[in-house]
Amino acid sequence: REVEGDLVLGDIGYGMPFRAGSFDGAISISALQWLCQADKSYHNP
């Protein structure tokens, strides 16, 4: 199957070619999703 996209190849010891702070938003959104998740039907997040 043919897939399109970009590939990042590097050594984590040299750092990765991402802008500073580029993952802060992803982590913040993940934290909000975790806070708003109800595990039981009687939980009120």
N, C-alpha and C. Protein backbone atom coordinates (compact mmCIF):
# COMPACT_ATOMS: atom_id res chain seq x y z
N ARG A 1 0.85 -1.16 0.00
CA ARG A 1 0.00 0.00 0.00
C ARG A 1 0.90 1.22 0.00
N GLU A 2 0.49 2.21 -0.69
CA GLU A 2 1.28 3.42 -0.83
C GLU A 2 0.82 4.47 0.19
N VAL A 3 1.79 5.07 0.86
CA VAL A 3 1.50 6.05 1.90
C VAL A 3 2.26 7.32 1.60
N GLU A 4 1.60 8.46 1.79
CA GLU A 4 2.26 9.74 1.60
C GLU A 4 2.50 10.38 2.96
N GLY A 5 3.56 11.16 3.05
CA GLY A 5 3.86 11.86 4.29
C GLY A 5 5.33 12.19 4.38
N ASP A 6 5.70 12.77 5.49
CA ASP A 6 7.09 13.15 5.73
C ASP A 6 7.71 12.20 6.74
N LEU A 7 9.02 12.11 6.71
CA LEU A 7 9.76 11.25 7.60
C LEU A 7 10.86 12.05 8.27
N VAL A 8 11.01 11.86 9.57
CA VAL A 8 12.09 12.50 10.31
C VAL A 8 13.04 11.40 10.75
N LEU A 9 14.28 11.53 10.36
CA LEU A 9 15.31 10.56 10.75
C LEU A 9 16.40 11.32 11.47
N GLY A 10 16.71 10.91 12.68
CA GLY A 10 17.74 11.60 13.43
C GLY A 10 18.13 10.84 14.68
N ASP A 11 19.12 11.32 15.34
CA ASP A 11 19.61 10.75 16.59
C ASP A 11 19.13 11.64 17.72
N ILE A 12 18.40 11.06 18.66
CA ILE A 12 17.84 11.85 19.75
C ILE A 12 18.93 12.52 20.58
N GLY A 13 20.13 11.98 20.55
CA GLY A 13 21.24 12.59 21.27
C GLY A 13 21.65 13.93 20.70
N TYR A 14 21.34 14.17 19.42
CA TYR A 14 21.66 15.44 18.77
C TYR A 14 20.47 16.39 18.74
N GLY A 15 19.36 15.97 19.31
CA GLY A 15 18.16 16.79 19.27
C GLY A 15 17.38 16.54 17.99
N MET A 16 16.14 16.94 17.97
CA MET A 16 15.30 16.75 16.80
C MET A 16 14.99 18.10 16.18
N PRO A 17 14.74 18.12 14.88
CA PRO A 17 14.56 19.40 14.18
C PRO A 17 13.16 20.00 14.32
N PHE A 18 12.71 20.19 15.54
CA PHE A 18 11.41 20.80 15.78
C PHE A 18 11.62 22.17 16.41
N ARG A 19 10.69 23.06 16.16
CA ARG A 19 10.76 24.38 16.78
C ARG A 19 10.58 24.27 18.29
N ALA A 20 11.20 25.17 19.00
CA ALA A 20 11.06 25.19 20.46
C ALA A 20 9.60 25.44 20.83
N GLY A 21 9.07 24.65 21.73
CA GLY A 21 7.69 24.82 22.19
C GLY A 21 6.64 24.21 21.29
N SER A 22 7.03 23.48 20.25
CA SER A 22 6.04 22.95 19.31
C SER A 22 5.19 21.84 19.91
N PHE A 23 5.65 21.20 20.98
CA PHE A 23 4.87 20.13 21.60
C PHE A 23 4.10 20.60 22.82
N ASP A 24 4.29 21.83 23.24
CA ASP A 24 3.58 22.34 24.42
C ASP A 24 2.07 22.33 24.21
N GLY A 25 1.62 22.72 23.03
CA GLY A 25 0.18 22.72 22.73
C GLY A 25 -0.40 21.33 22.73
N ALA A 26 0.32 20.37 22.17
CA ALA A 26 -0.17 18.99 22.13
C ALA A 26 -0.30 18.42 23.54
N ILE A 27 0.65 18.72 24.39
CA ILE A 27 0.59 18.22 25.77
C ILE A 27 -0.55 18.90 26.53
N SER A 28 -0.77 20.19 26.28
CA SER A 28 -1.85 20.91 26.95
C SER A 28 -3.21 20.35 26.55
N ILE A 29 -3.40 20.07 25.26
CA ILE A 29 -4.67 19.51 24.79
C ILE A 29 -4.88 18.12 25.39
N SER A 30 -3.83 17.33 25.46
CA SER A 30 -3.94 15.99 26.05
C SER A 30 -4.34 16.08 27.52
N ALA A 31 -3.78 17.04 28.24
CA ALA A 31 -4.14 17.21 29.65
C ALA A 31 -5.60 17.61 29.80
N LEU A 32 -6.10 18.47 28.94
CA LEU A 32 -7.52 18.86 28.98
C LEU A 32 -8.42 17.67 28.69
N GLN A 33 -8.06 16.85 27.71
CA GLN A 33 -8.86 15.67 27.41
C GLN A 33 -8.90 14.73 28.61
N TRP A 34 -7.76 14.57 29.29
CA TRP A 34 -7.71 13.69 30.45
C TRP A 34 -8.59 14.24 31.58
N LEU A 35 -8.57 15.54 31.78
CA LEU A 35 -9.37 16.14 32.85
C LEU A 35 -10.86 16.05 32.57
N CYS A 36 -11.25 16.04 31.29
CA CYS A 36 -12.66 16.04 30.92
C CYS A 36 -13.22 14.64 30.66
N GLN A 37 -12.44 13.62 30.93
CA GLN A 37 -12.88 12.25 30.67
C GLN A 37 -13.56 11.69 31.90
N ALA A 38 -14.72 11.09 31.70
CA ALA A 38 -15.43 10.42 32.79
C ALA A 38 -15.26 8.91 32.63
N ASP A 39 -14.70 8.27 33.65
CA ASP A 39 -14.49 6.82 33.59
C ASP A 39 -15.75 6.04 33.93
N LYS A 40 -16.59 6.61 34.73
CA LYS A 40 -17.84 5.95 35.14
C LYS A 40 -19.01 6.84 34.76
N SER A 41 -20.17 6.24 34.61
CA SER A 41 -21.35 7.01 34.20
C SER A 41 -21.77 8.02 35.26
N TYR A 42 -21.44 7.77 36.53
CA TYR A 42 -21.82 8.69 37.60
C TYR A 42 -20.78 9.79 37.85
N HIS A 43 -19.64 9.73 37.18
CA HIS A 43 -18.63 10.79 37.30
C HIS A 43 -19.10 12.04 36.56
N ASN A 44 -18.81 13.18 37.11
CA ASN A 44 -19.16 14.45 36.48
C ASN A 44 -17.87 15.25 36.33
N PRO A 45 -17.18 15.13 35.16
CA PRO A 45 -15.87 15.80 35.01
C PRO A 45 -15.96 17.30 35.01
